[in-house]
């Protein structure tokens, strides 16, 4: 009886050993391949078909029509904004991408494909490090934003004001739409009641 169990274990172990070896090879190869593919905006839009394919199509124009197409003109890719800072941010983005890929392959993905994770300020400040440094009137919002965010859950975020994929922003003021942005300012400066 013991010899039979030992024989079965050895046979099973042989298969398990090949399975582990395949995993050791496939996981890094898949990760490296994914990292290369995600560097191409068209690859991202191939799964995120609607509205992401529209966003990517806008980047092929000669004139920037939104903040995202402006960034593309500066050499910024989808993954640069849609992943966090450093290796951990990239790994989190890859994990989310793998989750989305499984949904896509199993045909369990919704259309339009909603953004499932908000873009945090760190995604912006990893490139725009000097944004909160200037303390002049034109930059007072950015200067005080980190302090405001510590004091209140009602504080604004980068993407609340600087919406990447809307086409109704003013190019002269970093694609801001004043009708959308002023109410965010009013959360702190209550202009409607004469308090400021």
Protein backbone atom coordinates (compact mmCIF):
# COMPACT_ATOMS: atom_id res chain seq x y z
CA UNK A 1 0.00 0.00 0.00
CA UNK A 2 2.75 2.41 0.94
CA UNK A 3 4.65 1.58 -2.27
CA UNK A 4 1.56 2.35 -4.34
CA UNK A 5 1.11 5.72 -2.66
CA UNK A 6 4.78 6.51 -3.15
CA UNK A 7 4.56 5.57 -6.84
CA UNK A 8 1.48 7.77 -7.31
CA UNK A 9 3.19 10.64 -5.50
CA UNK A 10 6.26 10.35 -7.76
CA UNK A 11 4.09 10.37 -10.89
CA UNK A 12 2.11 13.34 -9.60
CA UNK A 13 5.27 15.13 -8.56
CA UNK A 14 6.64 14.76 -12.09
CA UNK A 15 3.60 16.60 -13.47
CA UNK A 16 3.68 19.17 -10.69
CA UNK A 17 7.38 19.75 -11.39
CA UNK A 18 6.63 20.47 -15.07
CA UNK A 19 3.72 22.71 -14.11
CA UNK A 20 5.95 24.72 -11.74
CA UNK A 21 8.71 24.95 -14.36
CA UNK A 22 6.21 26.17 -16.96
CA UNK A 23 4.97 28.78 -14.48
CA UNK A 24 8.52 29.92 -13.73
CA UNK A 25 9.07 30.47 -17.45
CA UNK A 26 5.64 31.78 -18.48
CA UNK A 27 5.07 34.34 -15.73
CA UNK A 28 8.17 36.46 -16.49
CA UNK A 29 7.72 36.08 -20.26
CA UNK A 30 4.09 37.16 -19.97
CA UNK A 31 5.04 40.08 -17.72
CA UNK A 32 7.76 41.33 -20.08
CA UNK A 33 5.48 40.95 -23.09
CA UNK A 34 2.71 42.85 -21.29
CA UNK A 35 5.10 45.63 -20.35
CA UNK A 36 6.11 46.01 -23.99
CA UNK A 37 2.56 45.90 -25.33
CA UNK A 38 1.15 48.36 -22.80
CA UNK A 39 3.63 50.95 -24.04
CA UNK A 40 1.52 51.24 -27.19
CA UNK A 41 -1.72 53.19 -26.80
CA UNK A 42 -3.40 51.16 -29.54
CA UNK A 43 -2.92 48.01 -27.47
CA UNK A 44 -4.73 49.62 -24.52
CA UNK A 45 -7.58 50.73 -26.78
CA UNK A 46 -7.91 47.25 -28.31
CA UNK A 47 -9.56 45.97 -25.12
CA UNK A 48 -10.92 49.25 -23.82
CA UNK A 49 -12.83 49.79 -27.05
CA UNK A 50 -15.35 52.42 -26.06
CA UNK A 51 -14.64 55.26 -25.31
CA UNK A 52 -10.87 54.65 -25.13
CA UNK A 53 -10.60 53.98 -28.88
CA UNK A 54 -12.09 57.45 -29.43
CA UNK A 55 -9.49 58.98 -27.11
CA UNK A 56 -6.64 57.26 -28.94
CA UNK A 57 -8.07 58.32 -32.32
CA UNK A 58 -7.99 61.96 -31.17
CA UNK A 59 -4.26 61.72 -30.55
CA UNK A 60 -3.61 61.20 -34.26
CA UNK A 61 -4.78 64.71 -35.15
CA UNK A 62 -2.42 67.59 -35.75
CA UNK A 63 -4.04 69.81 -33.11
CA UNK A 64 -4.53 68.86 -29.48
CA UNK A 65 -8.25 68.88 -28.67
CA UNK A 66 -8.03 67.67 -25.08
CA UNK A 67 -5.44 67.31 -22.36
CA UNK A 68 -4.71 63.67 -23.27
CA UNK A 69 -4.00 64.46 -26.94
CA UNK A 70 -1.75 67.33 -25.80
CA UNK A 71 0.18 64.91 -23.59
CA UNK A 72 0.50 62.45 -26.48
CA UNK A 73 2.11 65.23 -28.51
CA UNK A 74 4.66 65.53 -25.70
CA UNK A 75 5.50 61.80 -25.86
CA UNK A 76 3.28 60.71 -22.96
CA UNK A 77 1.52 57.35 -23.36
CA UNK A 78 -1.72 56.06 -21.79
CA UNK A 79 0.23 53.90 -19.33
CA UNK A 80 2.26 56.90 -18.14
CA UNK A 81 -0.87 58.49 -16.66
CA UNK A 82 -2.83 55.33 -15.90
CA UNK A 83 -0.20 53.82 -13.62
CA UNK A 84 1.08 55.03 -10.30
CA UNK A 85 4.55 56.16 -9.36
CA UNK A 86 7.51 53.78 -9.53
CA UNK A 87 7.62 50.01 -9.78
CA UNK A 88 4.72 49.44 -7.38
CA UNK A 89 2.48 51.73 -9.44
CA UNK A 90 3.43 49.87 -12.61
CA UNK A 91 2.79 46.49 -10.96
CA UNK A 92 -0.66 47.64 -9.78
CA UNK A 93 -1.45 48.81 -13.32
CA UNK A 94 -0.28 45.47 -14.73
CA UNK A 95 -2.43 43.56 -12.22
CA UNK A 96 -5.45 45.63 -13.22
CA UNK A 97 -4.57 45.06 -16.89
CA UNK A 98 -4.35 41.29 -16.32
CA UNK A 99 -7.77 41.39 -14.63
CA UNK A 100 -9.18 43.36 -17.57
CA UNK A 101 -7.57 40.91 -20.04
CA UNK A 102 -9.25 37.95 -18.34
CA UNK A 103 -12.60 39.73 -18.57
CA UNK A 104 -11.97 40.53 -22.23
CA UNK A 105 -10.95 36.96 -23.15
CA UNK A 106 -13.91 35.49 -21.26
CA UNK A 107 -16.23 38.04 -22.93
CA UNK A 108 -17.34 39.32 -19.52
CA UNK A 109 -16.32 42.93 -20.14
CA UNK A 110 -18.80 45.80 -20.16
CA UNK A 111 -19.06 48.29 -23.00
CA UNK A 112 -18.46 51.10 -22.70
CA UNK A 113 -15.51 50.05 -20.59
CA UNK A 114 -15.68 52.19 -17.43
CA UNK A 115 -12.56 53.42 -15.73
CA UNK A 116 -12.36 51.21 -12.67
CA UNK A 117 -9.66 53.07 -10.79
CA UNK A 118 -9.49 56.82 -10.37
CA UNK A 119 -6.31 58.60 -11.35
CA UNK A 120 -4.75 59.87 -8.13
CA UNK A 121 -2.74 63.07 -7.85
CA UNK A 122 0.50 61.05 -7.63
CA UNK A 123 -0.11 59.97 -11.23
CA UNK A 124 0.13 63.65 -12.22
CA UNK A 125 2.75 64.89 -9.79
CA UNK A 126 5.24 62.19 -10.78
CA UNK A 127 5.86 64.36 -13.86
CA UNK A 128 4.55 67.73 -12.67
CA UNK A 129 6.71 67.87 -9.53
CA UNK A 130 7.04 71.64 -9.47
CA UNK A 131 3.31 72.42 -9.76
CA UNK A 132 2.79 73.21 -6.07
CA UNK A 133 6.02 75.18 -5.67
CA UNK A 134 5.10 78.68 -6.93
CA UNK A 135 3.24 80.88 -4.47
CA UNK A 136 1.95 83.60 -6.79
CA UNK A 137 -1.72 84.46 -7.33
CA UNK A 138 -1.98 82.37 -10.52
CA UNK A 139 -0.73 79.29 -8.70
CA UNK A 140 -2.25 79.72 -5.24
CA UNK A 141 -4.66 76.83 -5.79
CA UNK A 142 -1.86 74.38 -6.55
CA UNK A 143 0.24 75.75 -3.72
CA UNK A 144 -2.48 75.29 -1.10
CA UNK A 145 -3.99 72.09 -2.55
CA UNK A 146 -1.87 69.62 -0.49
CA UNK A 147 -2.79 71.47 2.72
CA UNK A 148 -6.46 71.59 1.72
CA UNK A 149 -6.44 67.86 0.98
CA UNK A 150 -5.07 67.17 4.48
CA UNK A 151 -7.85 69.21 6.08
CA UNK A 152 -10.87 68.17 4.06
CA UNK A 153 -12.30 65.24 2.13
CA UNK A 154 -14.03 67.90 0.05
CA UNK A 155 -10.72 69.03 -1.48
CA UNK A 156 -10.28 68.96 -5.22
CA UNK A 157 -7.95 66.70 -7.15
CA UNK A 158 -5.84 67.19 -10.26
CA UNK A 159 -8.23 65.33 -12.54
CA UNK A 160 -11.32 67.04 -11.17
CA UNK A 161 -10.14 70.31 -12.70
CA UNK A 162 -7.85 69.07 -15.48
CA UNK A 163 -10.11 66.53 -17.17
CA UNK A 164 -8.03 64.59 -19.66
CA UNK A 165 -10.59 63.40 -22.16
CA UNK A 166 -13.12 66.22 -22.43
CA UNK A 167 -12.92 68.47 -25.49
CA UNK A 168 -14.56 71.57 -23.99
CA UNK A 169 -11.50 72.95 -22.18
CA UNK A 170 -9.59 76.13 -22.98
CA UNK A 171 -6.15 75.42 -24.46
CA UNK A 172 -4.81 78.72 -23.02
CA UNK A 173 -5.44 77.58 -19.43
CA UNK A 174 -4.29 73.94 -19.59
CA UNK A 175 -7.60 72.70 -21.05
CA UNK A 176 -9.60 73.84 -18.02
CA UNK A 177 -13.29 74.48 -18.45
CA UNK A 178 -14.08 77.45 -16.21
CA UNK A 179 -17.77 76.52 -15.83
CA UNK A 180 -16.67 73.14 -14.48
CA UNK A 181 -13.70 74.38 -12.44
CA UNK A 182 -15.13 77.44 -10.67
CA UNK A 183 -17.51 75.34 -8.49
CA UNK A 184 -14.47 73.35 -7.33
CA UNK A 185 -12.77 76.62 -6.35
CA UNK A 186 -15.96 77.69 -4.57
CA UNK A 187 -15.73 74.75 -2.20
CA UNK A 188 -13.02 76.74 -0.45
CA UNK A 189 -13.79 80.30 -1.58
CA UNK A 190 -17.53 80.72 -1.26
CA UNK A 191 -17.90 83.50 -3.84
CA UNK A 192 -21.69 83.21 -3.95
CA UNK A 193 -22.04 84.45 -0.37
CA UNK A 194 -19.42 87.19 -0.61
CA UNK A 195 -16.93 85.28 1.54
CA UNK A 196 -13.47 84.78 0.08
